[in-house]
């Protein structure tokens, strides 16, 4: 397999060990938008994955103790650094850093008897270091919410939950623009529902780091400097990444509206432009309003 040959340390894995993970990743991030992707496109996608990081994680999933030791040794500094950036003091940072490894290994057991750890969510599309920083940041938010008596989900999909809740919000950004014309109001409400559903789906398709950046900035209200610190990047880098994500989301929302909701290209362009004119901005404010 191409990925194994690219890895400096394949962890004694064979093609069968990687098949399920790669199939899931390809289906989720490539075939969903391009179901007729040819072999060349699929190979190029697989070649973009972080081979060594993915092999390390899969070896850990297979309960390879040597791989776990290497994971902790190599990435413990990254985890501690991320924990310090989101904690109020060194003691809290240490507690957070220690709890990460339990989260990664798994506190629950799956049907097959193996631990249900967060490492199952790593796809190889981004660096393992960046993904771990996102996991640390998410756990910090979860812990804060538990202390604040907020409702918690048991799955590693908090951002997806927020997006889905936003899509069901009856007081959406378009319906708040009331109209005396019942027909116009109904049309606007349906358009709003379509847009928010499309937004929720588009957000669920982002990779872990990008979804977490969106969550920190729009849902948790962090400034770019603070969000960048959580992800371990400079404010300018966070700003560039957010701009890129913003553009990706807008294009993906347009594509979903056309493909899945039957909108025409003109309807999509005009409706989003009208919403932008009413709100004084574009998808950025849509994200912020949906987050509320």
Protein backbone atom coordinates (compact mmCIF):
# COMPACT_ATOMS: atom_id res chain seq x y z
CA UNK A 1 0.00 0.00 0.00
CA UNK A 2 1.25 3.46 -0.95
CA UNK A 3 0.78 4.94 2.52
CA UNK A 4 2.90 2.23 4.17
CA UNK A 5 5.74 2.80 1.73
CA UNK A 6 5.72 6.52 2.52
CA UNK A 7 5.89 6.00 6.27
CA UNK A 8 9.34 6.17 7.84
CA UNK A 9 8.04 3.79 10.53
CA UNK A 10 5.08 1.67 9.46
CA UNK A 11 4.82 0.13 12.95
CA UNK A 12 4.78 -3.36 11.40
CA UNK A 13 1.32 -2.69 10.03
CA UNK A 14 0.08 -4.28 6.82
CA UNK A 15 -2.42 -3.13 4.21
CA UNK A 16 -5.29 -4.89 5.97
CA UNK A 17 -4.61 -2.95 9.17
CA UNK A 18 -5.13 0.36 7.36
CA UNK A 19 -7.96 -0.58 5.03
CA UNK A 20 -10.88 0.28 7.30
CA UNK A 21 -9.49 3.66 8.41
CA UNK A 22 -8.55 4.70 4.89
CA UNK A 23 -11.90 3.58 3.48
CA UNK A 24 -13.75 5.62 6.09
CA UNK A 25 -11.58 8.69 5.50
CA UNK A 26 -11.85 8.51 1.71
CA UNK A 27 -15.61 8.04 1.89
CA UNK A 28 -16.10 10.94 4.31
CA UNK A 29 -13.76 13.53 2.84
CA UNK A 30 -13.58 12.63 -0.85
CA UNK A 31 -16.30 10.32 -2.18
CA UNK A 32 -19.13 12.17 -0.48
CA UNK A 33 -18.55 15.14 -2.77
CA UNK A 34 -17.09 13.21 -5.68
CA UNK A 35 -18.61 9.70 -5.70
CA UNK A 36 -17.13 9.00 -9.12
CA UNK A 37 -13.56 9.88 -8.18
CA UNK A 38 -11.11 7.89 -10.24
CA UNK A 39 -8.13 5.92 -8.97
CA UNK A 40 -5.73 8.79 -9.64
CA UNK A 41 -7.77 11.21 -7.50
CA UNK A 42 -8.08 8.68 -4.69
CA UNK A 43 -4.34 7.98 -4.76
CA UNK A 44 -3.55 11.68 -4.64
CA UNK A 45 -5.87 12.09 -1.67
CA UNK A 46 -4.23 9.19 0.18
CA UNK A 47 -0.80 10.61 -0.63
CA UNK A 48 -1.78 13.82 1.16
CA UNK A 49 -2.37 12.00 4.46
CA UNK A 50 0.23 12.09 7.25
CA UNK A 51 1.54 8.56 6.86
CA UNK A 52 3.71 8.28 9.99
CA UNK A 53 1.15 9.94 12.25
CA UNK A 54 -1.63 7.70 10.96
CA UNK A 55 0.43 4.54 11.35
CA UNK A 56 1.32 5.54 14.91
CA UNK A 57 -2.32 6.09 15.84
CA UNK A 58 -3.54 2.87 14.24
CA UNK A 59 -0.79 0.95 16.04
CA UNK A 60 -1.98 2.51 19.30
CA UNK A 61 -5.52 1.42 18.49
CA UNK A 62 -4.19 -2.11 18.09
CA UNK A 63 -2.88 -1.84 21.66
CA UNK A 64 0.76 -1.74 20.63
CA UNK A 65 2.43 -0.68 23.87
CA UNK A 66 5.57 0.46 22.10
CA UNK A 67 3.47 2.76 19.90
CA UNK A 68 1.72 4.20 22.97
CA UNK A 69 5.07 4.87 24.60
CA UNK A 70 6.28 6.65 21.47
CA UNK A 71 3.06 8.66 21.24
CA UNK A 72 3.38 9.90 24.81
CA UNK A 73 7.09 10.60 24.57
CA UNK A 74 6.89 12.45 21.27
CA UNK A 75 3.72 14.46 21.85
CA UNK A 76 3.63 15.01 25.60
CA UNK A 77 5.39 18.40 25.19
CA UNK A 78 2.74 19.40 22.63
CA UNK A 79 -0.08 18.35 24.94
CA UNK A 80 1.43 20.18 27.93
CA UNK A 81 2.00 23.33 25.90
CA UNK A 82 -1.60 23.28 24.66
CA UNK A 83 -2.88 22.64 28.19
CA UNK A 84 -0.94 25.61 29.59
CA UNK A 85 -2.36 27.89 26.90
CA UNK A 86 -5.95 27.16 27.94
CA UNK A 87 -5.51 26.77 31.72
CA UNK A 88 -5.50 29.35 34.45
CA UNK A 89 -2.51 27.94 36.31
CA UNK A 90 0.16 25.27 36.13
CA UNK A 91 -1.72 22.83 38.36
CA UNK A 92 -4.83 22.99 36.17
CA UNK A 93 -2.66 22.59 33.08
CA UNK A 94 -1.03 19.49 34.52
CA UNK A 95 -4.41 17.93 35.36
CA UNK A 96 -5.67 18.66 31.87
CA UNK A 97 -2.56 17.24 30.21
CA UNK A 98 -2.79 14.04 32.24
CA UNK A 99 -6.47 13.56 31.45
CA UNK A 100 -5.81 13.78 27.72
CA UNK A 101 -4.09 10.41 27.60
CA UNK A 102 -7.05 8.72 29.28
CA UNK A 103 -9.36 10.39 26.76
CA UNK A 104 -7.21 9.20 23.89
CA UNK A 105 -7.02 5.64 25.17
CA UNK A 106 -10.72 5.47 25.97
CA UNK A 107 -12.73 5.51 29.17
CA UNK A 108 -15.51 3.41 27.68
CA UNK A 109 -15.52 0.04 25.94
CA UNK A 110 -16.87 -0.62 22.47
CA UNK A 111 -19.02 -3.58 21.49
CA UNK A 112 -15.92 -5.50 20.41
CA UNK A 113 -14.43 -5.07 23.89
CA UNK A 114 -11.78 -2.54 22.84
CA UNK A 115 -11.44 0.93 24.40
CA UNK A 116 -13.54 3.65 22.75
CA UNK A 117 -10.85 6.33 22.70
CA UNK A 118 -10.68 9.61 20.84
CA UNK A 119 -7.79 8.36 18.72
CA UNK A 120 -10.43 6.69 16.56
CA UNK A 121 -11.30 10.15 15.23
CA UNK A 122 -7.86 10.92 13.82
CA UNK A 123 -8.00 10.65 10.03
CA UNK A 124 -4.48 11.67 9.02
CA UNK A 125 -5.69 14.69 7.06
CA UNK A 126 -3.91 17.07 9.40
CA UNK A 127 -0.82 16.80 11.56
CA UNK A 128 -1.16 14.74 14.71
CA UNK A 129 0.32 17.58 16.75
CA UNK A 130 -2.32 20.03 15.56
CA UNK A 131 -5.08 17.49 16.10
CA UNK A 132 -3.90 16.88 19.68
CA UNK A 133 -3.96 20.61 20.38
CA UNK A 134 -7.58 20.66 19.21
CA UNK A 135 -8.41 17.71 21.47
CA UNK A 136 -6.83 19.50 24.45
CA UNK A 137 -8.78 22.66 23.72
CA UNK A 138 -12.04 20.76 23.33
CA UNK A 139 -11.51 18.91 26.61
CA UNK A 140 -10.82 22.21 28.35
CA UNK A 141 -14.12 23.59 27.04
CA UNK A 142 -15.95 20.40 28.09
CA UNK A 143 -14.47 20.58 31.58
CA UNK A 144 -15.47 24.21 31.91
CA UNK A 145 -19.01 23.40 30.90
CA UNK A 146 -19.23 20.55 33.38
CA UNK A 147 -18.19 22.88 36.15
CA UNK A 148 -20.70 25.43 34.90
CA UNK A 149 -23.43 22.74 34.87
CA UNK A 150 -23.76 22.80 31.11
CA UNK A 151 -25.15 19.72 29.38
CA UNK A 152 -22.37 17.51 28.01
CA UNK A 153 -22.27 15.01 25.19
CA UNK A 154 -20.44 11.73 25.62
CA UNK A 155 -19.19 11.71 22.06
CA UNK A 156 -16.38 13.72 20.48
CA UNK A 157 -18.81 15.77 18.41
CA UNK A 158 -19.60 18.86 20.46
CA UNK A 159 -19.11 21.20 17.53
CA UNK A 160 -21.36 19.06 15.35
CA UNK A 161 -24.03 19.17 18.07
CA UNK A 162 -23.82 22.95 18.24
CA UNK A 163 -24.16 23.19 14.50
CA UNK A 164 -27.15 20.86 14.45
CA UNK A 165 -28.81 22.78 17.25
CA UNK A 166 -28.21 25.96 15.29
CA UNK A 167 -29.96 24.44 12.27
CA UNK A 168 -33.03 23.78 14.43
CA UNK A 169 -33.11 27.26 15.96
CA UNK A 170 -36.56 28.67 15.28
CA UNK A 171 -35.38 32.26 15.66
CA UNK A 172 -32.90 32.19 12.82
CA UNK A 173 -31.19 35.20 11.32
CA UNK A 174 -33.58 35.41 8.37
CA UNK A 175 -36.87 34.78 10.15
CA UNK A 176 -36.00 37.58 12.54
CA UNK A 177 -36.47 39.88 9.57
CA UNK A 178 -40.28 39.90 9.91
CA UNK A 179 -42.51 40.72 6.97
CA UNK A 180 -46.12 41.80 6.75
CA UNK A 181 -46.54 39.49 3.75
CA UNK A 182 -47.32 35.92 4.96
CA UNK A 183 -46.10 34.36 1.72
CA UNK A 184 -42.84 36.26 1.87
CA UNK A 185 -42.38 35.32 5.51
CA UNK A 186 -42.91 31.63 4.76
CA UNK A 187 -40.48 31.75 1.85
CA UNK A 188 -37.86 33.48 3.99
CA UNK A 189 -38.32 30.94 6.77
CA UNK A 190 -37.85 28.01 4.40
CA UNK A 191 -34.81 29.66 2.87
CA UNK A 192 -33.39 30.20 6.34
CA UNK A 193 -33.95 26.56 7.27
CA UNK A 194 -32.25 25.37 4.07
CA UNK A 195 -29.27 27.66 4.64
CA UNK A 196 -28.80 26.64 8.26
CA UNK A 197 -29.06 22.94 7.42
CA UNK A 198 -26.51 23.44 4.67
CA UNK A 199 -24.26 25.33 7.07
CA UNK A 200 -24.50 22.59 9.70
CA UNK A 201 -23.53 19.96 7.14
CA UNK A 202 -20.71 22.07 5.71
CA UNK A 203 -19.27 22.58 9.19
CA UNK A 204 -19.42 18.86 9.94
CA UNK A 205 -17.22 18.24 6.89
CA UNK A 206 -14.37 20.48 8.06
CA UNK A 207 -11.34 18.79 9.54
CA UNK A 208 -10.86 18.77 13.31
CA UNK A 209 -8.61 21.83 13.60
CA UNK A 210 -10.73 24.02 11.33
CA UNK A 211 -13.98 23.06 13.07
CA UNK A 212 -12.41 23.79 16.42
CA UNK A 213 -11.15 27.19 15.23
CA UNK A 214 -14.66 28.07 14.04
CA UNK A 215 -16.08 26.93 17.37
CA UNK A 216 -13.60 28.95 19.42
CA UNK A 217 -14.11 32.13 17.41
CA UNK A 218 -17.85 32.09 16.66
CA UNK A 219 -19.39 29.93 19.39
CA UNK A 220 -17.09 30.53 22.37
CA UNK A 221 -16.38 34.17 21.59
CA UNK A 222 -12.57 34.00 21.74
CA UNK A 223 -10.53 36.64 19.97
CA UNK A 224 -8.24 35.50 17.16
CA UNK A 225 -5.22 35.90 19.41
CA UNK A 226 -6.80 33.66 22.04
CA UNK A 227 -8.04 31.10 19.51
CA UNK A 228 -4.58 31.02 17.94
CA UNK A 229 -3.02 30.38 21.34
CA UNK A 230 -5.30 27.37 21.87
CA UNK A 231 -4.24 25.94 18.51
CA UNK A 232 -0.60 26.85 19.03
CA UNK A 233 -0.39 29.30 16.12
CA UNK A 234 0.17 33.05 15.77
CA UNK A 235 -2.82 35.39 15.57
CA UNK A 236 -2.01 36.15 11.94
CA UNK A 237 -2.00 32.46 11.09
CA UNK A 238 -5.33 31.97 12.85
CA UNK A 239 -6.74 34.90 10.89
CA UNK A 240 -5.59 33.49 7.54
CA UNK A 241 -6.93 30.04 8.41
CA UNK A 242 -10.29 31.46 9.49
CA UNK A 243 -10.56 33.42 6.24
CA UNK A 244 -9.85 30.26 4.27
CA UNK A 245 -12.41 28.28 6.28
CA UNK A 246 -14.93 31.06 5.79
CA UNK A 247 -14.52 30.85 2.02
CA UNK A 248 -14.68 27.06 2.04
CA UNK A 249 -17.88 27.11 4.08
CA UNK A 250 -19.56 29.63 1.82
CA UNK A 251 -18.77 27.64 -1.32
CA UNK A 252 -19.84 24.40 0.33
CA UNK A 253 -23.12 25.93 1.56
CA UNK A 254 -23.87 27.10 -1.99
CA UNK A 255 -23.10 23.64 -3.39
CA UNK A 256 -25.33 21.89 -0.83
CA UNK A 257 -28.21 24.29 -1.46
CA UNK A 258 -28.03 23.56 -5.18
CA UNK A 259 -27.43 19.80 -4.98
CA UNK A 260 -29.55 18.78 -1.98
CA UNK A 261 -32.20 21.47 -1.68
CA UNK A 262 -32.87 22.07 -5.34
CA UNK A 263 -31.88 25.73 -5.41
CA UNK A 264 -30.76 27.23 -8.70
CA UNK A 265 -27.44 28.99 -8.97
CA UNK A 266 -29.21 32.34 -9.29
CA UNK A 267 -31.40 31.68 -6.24
CA UNK A 268 -28.36 30.73 -4.18
CA UNK A 269 -26.37 33.79 -5.19
CA UNK A 270 -29.28 36.20 -4.77
CA UNK A 271 -30.53 34.83 -1.45
CA UNK A 272 -27.11 34.82 0.20
CA UNK A 273 -26.42 38.27 -1.20
CA UNK A 274 -29.77 39.52 0.14
CA UNK A 275 -29.01 38.09 3.55
CA UNK A 276 -25.63 39.79 3.43
CA UNK A 277 -27.20 43.10 2.56
CA UNK A 278 -29.75 42.83 5.37
CA UNK A 279 -27.17 41.87 7.94
CA UNK A 280 -24.38 44.12 6.73
CA UNK A 281 -21.96 41.24 6.17
CA UNK A 282 -21.82 37.76 4.65
CA UNK A 283 -21.42 34.20 5.94
CA UNK A 284 -19.29 35.43 8.83
CA UNK A 285 -22.31 36.92 10.59
CA UNK A 286 -24.42 33.92 9.62
CA UNK A 287 -21.99 31.75 11.54
CA UNK A 288 -22.02 34.08 14.51
CA UNK A 289 -25.82 34.30 14.57
CA UNK A 290 -26.21 30.53 14.19
CA UNK A 291 -23.80 30.04 17.06
CA UNK A 292 -26.12 32.01 19.31
